[in-house]
């Protein structure tokens, strides 16, 4: 491919990827998709998937372009779908509209599509290309790829720590380790997630709302890991509904009814050898509920459990320039027997937030996209 054409394709694909991001937090379990229609070097239509069950990006772009869609090139951040779901398939719509070429960033990993959309286009005589900004496109839909390929969400562990790695004092006090700017960014991460998970100890000690504040955005599903149903009936997480309490088999039925009457939804999963639901079962359950992006906000016990099982795909670490001394380490329940077997990560990005540091760290044990 000539460099000039490659640069042109990447330019318009970046537009499609940027449009796709507008659907963050609203389309799961569907993927985020953006589409740009280009004719004679000019954009004649664009669209993105706004909400689950709503029109797809290609349809929005075609509606905007109208007759100008004929003879255009479609840049799509994910292969056009070929099957009926909540809406009709997009690949035939592109053919009917007279689009002559489709450039897709990446093949859809969904077995119901997985190349069949491109095949429809090629069989109908359209020129096609796949792989423009493929890595960027996979990252943009990392939750969708995780759910499709591993039947679990993309898991992010968020923590606010001191310079010596403590999330709280020895007595459990943790408000506030970091500054307001860090807390605002943390709420932005919460708004971009489909669900947020804490352990019952956090609910008992901090009584968090787990709602989105400081920034605009929708509230995620609240999930409490509570094997023996110790969540207080008047806990703030139960306010307003959208709270799932995941317990283990053998819990008292009267306690279940009381928590459900208070606004929670109690889900019972099998106990493991430690008396807790297996984290794989928890992640599979959340995936079945349409959760593609999961944010872990629990304390050291929950954080250590997810890290130990290799289920953390990204750490979002907010570091305050202060020392707490003896306290509760972020992974205080994770035991390392030798330096060479330490839990390793790769720092992907570092930002300054009014004096705090925001680190994005990718664990080396996280499966590749």
Protein backbone atom coordinates (compact mmCIF):
# COMPACT_ATOMS: atom_id res chain seq x y z
CA UNK A 1 0.00 0.00 0.00
CA UNK A 2 1.46 3.41 -0.96
CA UNK A 3 2.38 5.62 1.98
CA UNK A 4 -0.06 8.35 0.89
CA UNK A 5 -2.97 5.90 0.90
CA UNK A 6 -1.87 4.42 4.23
CA UNK A 7 -1.76 7.87 5.82
CA UNK A 8 -5.21 8.66 4.41
CA UNK A 9 -6.67 5.40 5.71
CA UNK A 10 -5.16 5.95 9.15
CA UNK A 11 -6.47 9.53 9.25
CA UNK A 12 -10.07 8.51 8.66
CA UNK A 13 -9.77 5.41 10.85
CA UNK A 14 -8.65 7.61 13.74
CA UNK A 15 -11.84 9.58 13.20
CA UNK A 16 -13.84 6.36 13.38
CA UNK A 17 -12.06 5.27 16.55
CA UNK A 18 -12.62 8.67 18.14
CA UNK A 19 -16.32 8.44 17.33
CA UNK A 20 -16.47 4.93 18.80
CA UNK A 21 -15.24 6.22 22.16
CA UNK A 22 -18.41 8.29 22.50
CA UNK A 23 -20.27 5.07 23.23
CA UNK A 24 -18.11 4.31 26.29
CA UNK A 25 -20.26 3.17 29.19
CA UNK A 26 -23.46 2.84 27.16
CA UNK A 27 -23.13 -0.01 24.66
CA UNK A 28 -22.00 -3.09 26.62
CA UNK A 29 -22.19 -5.97 25.98
CA UNK A 30 -21.97 -4.68 22.41
CA UNK A 31 -18.68 -3.30 21.11
CA UNK A 32 -17.94 0.40 20.66
CA UNK A 33 -17.96 1.16 16.95
CA UNK A 34 -17.43 4.27 14.85
CA UNK A 35 -17.96 4.70 11.11
CA UNK A 36 -16.90 7.43 8.67
CA UNK A 37 -18.07 7.60 5.03
CA UNK A 38 -15.65 9.36 2.68
CA UNK A 39 -16.32 10.36 -0.92
CA UNK A 40 -13.85 12.20 -3.13
CA UNK A 41 -11.73 13.02 -0.09
CA UNK A 42 -14.57 14.52 1.98
CA UNK A 43 -16.57 13.10 4.87
CA UNK A 44 -20.19 12.68 3.77
CA UNK A 45 -21.48 10.78 6.79
CA UNK A 46 -20.45 9.55 10.20
CA UNK A 47 -21.93 7.72 13.13
CA UNK A 48 -21.23 5.70 16.23
CA UNK A 49 -23.04 3.11 18.31
CA UNK A 50 -24.71 5.24 21.01
CA UNK A 51 -26.45 2.68 23.18
CA UNK A 52 -27.11 -1.02 23.54
CA UNK A 53 -29.99 -1.97 21.26
CA UNK A 54 -29.73 1.28 19.30
CA UNK A 55 -28.71 1.83 15.66
CA UNK A 56 -25.21 0.74 14.71
CA UNK A 57 -22.50 3.14 13.59
CA UNK A 58 -22.78 2.18 9.91
CA UNK A 59 -26.54 2.82 9.84
CA UNK A 60 -26.13 6.25 11.42
CA UNK A 61 -23.43 7.15 8.91
CA UNK A 62 -25.53 5.94 5.97
CA UNK A 63 -28.57 7.89 7.17
CA UNK A 64 -26.47 11.05 7.42
CA UNK A 65 -24.92 10.59 3.99
CA UNK A 66 -28.14 9.74 2.17
CA UNK A 67 -27.51 9.49 -1.60
CA UNK A 68 -23.91 10.55 -1.09
CA UNK A 69 -23.23 7.12 0.40
CA UNK A 70 -23.16 5.70 -3.14
CA UNK A 71 -19.58 5.49 -4.34
CA UNK A 72 -18.10 6.19 -0.90
CA UNK A 73 -15.50 4.41 1.20
CA UNK A 74 -16.59 3.30 4.67
CA UNK A 75 -14.02 3.36 7.47
CA UNK A 76 -15.27 1.19 10.33
CA UNK A 77 -13.46 0.54 13.62
CA UNK A 78 -14.81 -3.06 13.72
CA UNK A 79 -15.90 -5.44 10.99
CA UNK A 80 -19.54 -4.73 9.95
CA UNK A 81 -21.90 -7.28 11.46
CA UNK A 82 -23.52 -9.97 9.34
CA UNK A 83 -26.21 -11.31 11.65
CA UNK A 84 -29.51 -10.21 13.15
CA UNK A 85 -29.29 -9.13 16.78
CA UNK A 86 -31.15 -6.21 18.31
CA UNK A 87 -30.89 -4.58 14.88
CA UNK A 88 -30.52 -5.79 11.26
CA UNK A 89 -27.02 -6.67 9.95
CA UNK A 90 -24.89 -3.79 8.70
CA UNK A 91 -22.88 -5.45 5.92
CA UNK A 92 -25.90 -5.82 3.58
CA UNK A 93 -26.92 -2.22 4.31
CA UNK A 94 -23.53 -0.98 3.09
CA UNK A 95 -23.98 -3.01 -0.10
CA UNK A 96 -27.51 -1.69 -0.68
CA UNK A 97 -26.37 1.90 -0.18
CA UNK A 98 -23.83 1.62 -2.97
CA UNK A 99 -20.70 1.87 -0.85
CA UNK A 100 -17.80 0.72 -3.02
CA UNK A 101 -15.11 0.07 -0.44
CA UNK A 102 -14.97 -0.86 3.24
CA UNK A 103 -11.87 -0.44 5.37
CA UNK A 104 -12.17 -2.19 8.76
CA UNK A 105 -9.70 -1.86 11.61
CA UNK A 106 -10.14 -5.38 12.96
CA UNK A 107 -12.20 -8.54 12.46
CA UNK A 108 -15.05 -9.00 14.92
CA UNK A 109 -14.10 -11.78 17.42
CA UNK A 110 -17.77 -12.71 17.87
CA UNK A 111 -18.19 -16.21 16.32
CA UNK A 112 -21.51 -15.03 14.83
CA UNK A 113 -19.52 -12.59 12.66
CA UNK A 114 -15.76 -13.35 12.63
CA UNK A 115 -15.05 -12.61 8.98
CA UNK A 116 -18.52 -13.28 7.57
CA UNK A 117 -19.30 -9.56 7.37
CA UNK A 118 -16.25 -8.93 5.18
CA UNK A 119 -17.13 -11.99 3.10
CA UNK A 120 -20.59 -10.56 2.35
CA UNK A 121 -18.98 -7.33 1.19
CA UNK A 122 -16.38 -9.08 -0.97
CA UNK A 123 -18.95 -11.44 -2.53
CA UNK A 124 -21.03 -8.38 -3.45
CA UNK A 125 -18.09 -6.85 -5.30
CA UNK A 126 -16.92 -4.29 -2.76
CA UNK A 127 -13.21 -3.68 -2.22
CA UNK A 128 -12.19 -4.45 1.35
CA UNK A 129 -9.22 -4.00 3.63
CA UNK A 130 -8.62 -5.08 7.22
CA UNK A 131 -5.92 -4.16 9.71
CA UNK A 132 -5.71 -0.36 9.63
CA UNK A 133 -4.84 0.68 13.21
CA UNK A 134 -5.70 -2.85 14.33
CA UNK A 135 -3.94 -2.68 17.71
CA UNK A 136 -5.61 0.63 18.57
CA UNK A 137 -8.98 -0.85 17.60
CA UNK A 138 -8.46 -3.94 19.78
CA UNK A 139 -7.52 -1.76 22.72
CA UNK A 140 -10.60 0.42 22.20
CA UNK A 141 -12.76 -2.70 22.52
CA UNK A 142 -10.62 -4.61 25.01
CA UNK A 143 -13.65 -5.43 27.16
CA UNK A 144 -15.58 -6.84 24.20
CA UNK A 145 -12.57 -8.95 23.16
CA UNK A 146 -12.11 -10.24 26.74
CA UNK A 147 -15.76 -11.18 27.07
CA UNK A 148 -15.90 -12.86 23.66
CA UNK A 149 -12.64 -14.77 23.91
CA UNK A 150 -12.35 -15.56 27.64
CA UNK A 151 -15.93 -15.10 28.88
CA UNK A 152 -14.90 -12.54 31.45
CA UNK A 153 -14.75 -8.75 31.62
CA UNK A 154 -11.68 -6.57 31.21
CA UNK A 155 -10.68 -6.08 34.85
CA UNK A 156 -9.20 -2.83 36.14
CA UNK A 157 -7.97 -2.51 39.71
CA UNK A 158 -8.09 1.07 40.98
CA UNK A 159 -6.23 2.06 44.13
CA UNK A 160 -5.17 5.24 45.90
CA UNK A 161 -1.87 4.77 47.73
CA UNK A 162 0.79 6.65 49.65
CA UNK A 163 4.41 6.74 48.49
CA UNK A 164 5.09 3.73 50.69
CA UNK A 165 2.27 1.76 49.06
CA UNK A 166 -0.39 2.00 51.78
CA UNK A 167 -4.09 2.31 50.93
CA UNK A 168 -5.07 3.05 54.53
CA UNK A 169 -3.78 3.47 58.05
CA UNK A 170 -3.48 0.42 60.29
CA UNK A 171 -6.92 1.21 61.76
CA UNK A 172 -8.46 1.23 58.25
CA UNK A 173 -8.80 5.00 57.85
CA UNK A 174 -8.35 5.94 54.17
CA UNK A 175 -10.18 9.22 53.52
CA UNK A 176 -8.50 10.86 51.82
CA UNK A 177 -5.12 9.50 50.74
CA UNK A 178 -5.12 11.34 47.40
CA UNK A 179 -6.26 14.81 46.31
CA UNK A 180 -9.51 15.97 44.70
CA UNK A 181 -8.12 15.83 41.17
CA UNK A 182 -7.19 12.18 41.61
CA UNK A 183 -10.62 11.42 43.06
CA UNK A 184 -12.28 13.11 40.09
CA UNK A 185 -10.32 10.96 37.64
CA UNK A 186 -11.19 7.89 39.70
CA UNK A 187 -14.88 8.78 39.34
CA UNK A 188 -14.36 9.15 35.59
CA UNK A 189 -13.00 5.59 35.53
CA UNK A 190 -16.05 4.48 37.50
CA UNK A 191 -18.40 6.14 34.99
CA UNK A 192 -16.65 4.32 32.13
CA UNK A 193 -17.11 0.92 33.79
CA UNK A 194 -20.09 -1.40 33.50
CA UNK A 195 -19.74 -2.55 37.11
CA UNK A 196 -17.71 -1.71 40.21
CA UNK A 197 -16.76 -4.36 42.77
CA UNK A 198 -15.98 -4.04 46.47
CA UNK A 199 -15.77 -6.53 49.30
CA UNK A 200 -18.14 -6.60 52.22
CA UNK A 201 -15.40 -5.35 54.57
CA UNK A 202 -15.22 -2.12 52.55
CA UNK A 203 -19.00 -1.77 52.76
CA UNK A 204 -18.95 -2.25 56.54
CA UNK A 205 -15.98 0.04 57.23
CA UNK A 206 -16.50 2.84 54.66
CA UNK A 207 -20.20 2.58 53.71
CA UNK A 208 -19.49 3.77 50.14
CA UNK A 209 -22.21 4.89 47.71
CA UNK A 210 -20.26 3.65 44.65
CA UNK A 211 -22.02 6.32 42.59
CA UNK A 212 -20.43 8.70 40.08
CA UNK A 213 -19.68 12.13 41.49
CA UNK A 214 -17.29 14.99 40.60
CA UNK A 215 -17.82 14.20 36.88
CA UNK A 216 -20.76 13.59 34.56
CA UNK A 217 -21.58 10.00 33.74
CA UNK A 218 -23.85 7.11 34.50
CA UNK A 219 -23.61 4.97 37.61
CA UNK A 220 -22.25 1.44 37.07
CA UNK A 221 -23.76 -1.73 38.48
CA UNK A 222 -22.66 -2.06 42.11
CA UNK A 223 -21.31 -5.48 43.09
CA UNK A 224 -20.50 -6.57 46.64
CA UNK A 225 -18.58 -9.78 47.27
CA UNK A 226 -20.18 -10.96 50.50
CA UNK A 227 -19.93 -14.72 51.03
CA UNK A 228 -21.96 -14.80 54.25
CA UNK A 229 -24.31 -11.84 53.67
CA UNK A 230 -22.87 -9.42 56.23
CA UNK A 231 -23.89 -6.34 54.21
CA UNK A 232 -25.83 -3.99 56.55
CA UNK A 233 -29.48 -3.52 55.61
CA UNK A 234 -29.02 0.27 55.62
CA UNK A 235 -25.79 0.27 53.58
CA UNK A 236 -25.59 3.08 51.02
CA UNK A 237 -24.80 0.63 48.21
CA UNK A 238 -28.39 -0.60 48.47
CA UNK A 239 -29.82 2.86 47.82
CA UNK A 240 -31.31 3.29 44.38
CA UNK A 241 -31.09 -0.36 43.38
CA UNK A 242 -28.61 -1.67 40.78
CA UNK A 243 -26.71 -3.51 43.51
CA UNK A 244 -25.81 -7.19 43.23
CA UNK A 245 -24.61 -8.99 46.33
CA UNK A 246 -22.69 -12.14 45.45
CA UNK A 247 -22.83 -14.68 48.25
CA UNK A 248 -21.91 -18.33 48.66
CA UNK A 249 -24.16 -21.35 49.00
CA UNK A 250 -25.67 -22.04 52.41
CA UNK A 251 -26.69 -18.48 53.34
CA UNK A 252 -29.73 -17.86 55.51
CA UNK A 253 -32.88 -17.45 53.37
CA UNK A 254 -34.37 -14.86 55.73
CA UNK A 255 -31.23 -12.74 55.37
CA UNK A 256 -31.49 -13.01 51.59
CA UNK A 257 -35.08 -11.75 51.68
CA UNK A 258 -34.14 -8.87 53.98
CA UNK A 259 -31.37 -7.65 51.69
CA UNK A 260 -33.58 -7.97 48.63
CA UNK A 261 -36.35 -6.05 50.39
CA UNK A 262 -33.75 -3.34 51.08
CA UNK A 263 -33.06 -2.99 47.34
CA UNK A 264 -30.30 -5.49 46.65
CA UNK A 265 -30.22 -8.48 44.35
CA UNK A 266 -28.66 -11.54 45.99
CA UNK A 267 -26.89 -14.03 43.75
CA UNK A 268 -25.76 -17.34 45.21
CA UNK A 269 -22.69 -19.07 43.77
CA UNK A 270 -20.94 -22.31 44.85
CA UNK A 271 -18.39 -22.10 47.67
CA UNK A 272 -14.74 -22.84 47.04
CA UNK A 273 -12.37 -24.49 49.53
CA UNK A 274 -12.00 -21.15 51.41
CA UNK A 275 -15.75 -20.70 51.72
CA UNK A 276 -15.97 -17.95 49.08
CA UNK A 277 -17.39 -17.95 45.55
CA UNK A 278 -14.71 -18.79 43.00
CA UNK A 279 -13.59 -15.61 41.23
CA UNK A 280 -13.87 -17.35 37.85
CA UNK A 281 -17.55 -18.00 38.59
CA UNK A 282 -17.99 -14.38 39.65
CA UNK A 283 -16.44 -13.08 36.42
CA UNK A 284 -18.42 -15.51 34.27
CA UNK A 285 -21.63 -14.42 35.98
CA UNK A 286 -20.85 -10.73 35.41
CA UNK A 287 -19.97 -11.42 31.79
CA UNK A 288 -23.34 -13.14 31.33
CA UNK A 289 -24.92 -9.98 32.77
CA UNK A 290 -23.30 -7.93 30.00
CA UNK A 291 -20.39 -6.54 32.00
CA UNK A 292 -17.45 -5.93 29.66
CA UNK A 293 -15.54 -3.47 31.85
CA UNK A 294 -15.14 -4.22 35.55
CA UNK A 295 -13.59 -1.86 38.08
CA UNK A 296 -12.24 -3.31 41.34
CA UNK A 297 -12.32 -0.82 44.20
CA UNK A 298 -12.05 -3.17 47.15
CA UNK A 299 -9.44 -3.23 49.88
CA UNK A 300 -6.25 -5.30 50.13
CA UNK A 301 -8.08 -8.61 50.48
CA UNK A 302 -10.13 -8.24 47.30
CA UNK A 303 -7.24 -6.67 45.39
CA UNK A 304 -4.88 -9.47 46.40
CA UNK A 305 -7.40 -12.15 45.42
CA UNK A 306 -7.87 -10.83 41.89
CA UNK A 307 -4.14 -10.27 41.44
CA UNK A 308 -3.29 -13.74 42.77
CA UNK A 309 -5.64 -15.37 40.26
CA UNK A 310 -4.18 -13.36 37.38
CA UNK A 311 -7.45 -11.59 36.65
CA UNK A 312 -6.20 -7.99 36.74
CA UNK A 313 -5.70 -6.57 33.25
CA UNK A 314 -4.75 -3.05 34.29
CA UNK A 315 -3.86 -1.21 37.49
CA UNK A 316 -4.96 2.41 37.81
CA UNK A 317 -2.80 3.64 40.67
CA UNK A 318 -3.11 7.11 42.20
CA UNK A 319 -0.05 7.92 44.30
CA UNK A 320 -0.09 10.72 46.86
CA UNK A 321 3.20 12.39 47.94
CA UNK A 322 2.87 11.29 51.54
CA UNK A 323 4.03 8.45 53.77
CA UNK A 324 1.62 6.55 56.02
CA UNK A 325 4.12 4.26 57.69
CA UNK A 326 2.59 1.15 59.21
CA UNK A 327 -0.66 0.61 57.35
CA UNK A 328 -2.53 -1.60 54.92
CA UNK A 329 -0.57 -2.35 51.70
CA UNK A 330 -2.50 -2.42 48.44
CA UNK A 331 -1.65 -6.13 47.89
CA UNK A 332 -1.10 -6.94 51.53
CA UNK A 333 -2.55 -10.44 51.22
CA UNK A 334 -0.35 -11.44 48.29
CA UNK A 335 2.68 -13.41 49.46
CA UNK A 336 5.85 -13.50 47.35
CA UNK A 337 8.27 -16.32 48.12
CA UNK A 338 11.18 -15.02 46.01
CA UNK A 339 12.13 -11.76 44.29
CA UNK A 340 12.28 -13.44 40.89
CA UNK A 341 8.66 -14.52 41.36
CA UNK A 342 7.38 -11.07 42.26
CA UNK A 343 4.15 -9.82 40.69
CA UNK A 344 5.45 -7.78 37.75
CA UNK A 345 3.91 -5.08 35.64
CA UNK A 346 4.78 -2.65 32.88
CA UNK A 347 4.16 1.07 33.38
CA UNK A 348 2.16 2.22 30.36
CA UNK A 349 1.64 5.87 31.30
CA UNK A 350 2.32 8.36 34.08
CA UNK A 351 0.48 11.65 34.60
CA UNK A 352 0.73 14.42 37.18
CA UNK A 353 -2.57 15.28 38.84
CA UNK A 354 -1.91 18.47 40.80
CA UNK A 355 0.92 16.78 42.71
CA UNK A 356 -0.41 13.24 42.79
CA UNK A 357 0.85 10.72 40.25
CA UNK A 358 -1.49 8.62 38.13
CA UNK A 359 0.14 5.40 36.95
CA UNK A 360 -1.36 2.96 34.48
CA UNK A 361 0.35 -0.40 34.97
CA UNK A 362 -0.26 -3.49 32.84
CA UNK A 363 0.49 -6.77 34.65
CA UNK A 364 2.68 -9.10 32.67
CA UNK A 365 0.36 -11.98 33.51
CA UNK A 366 -2.62 -10.34 31.75
CA UNK A 367 -3.48 -12.25 28.55
CA UNK A 368 -2.62 -10.49 25.30
CA UNK A 369 -5.39 -8.98 23.24
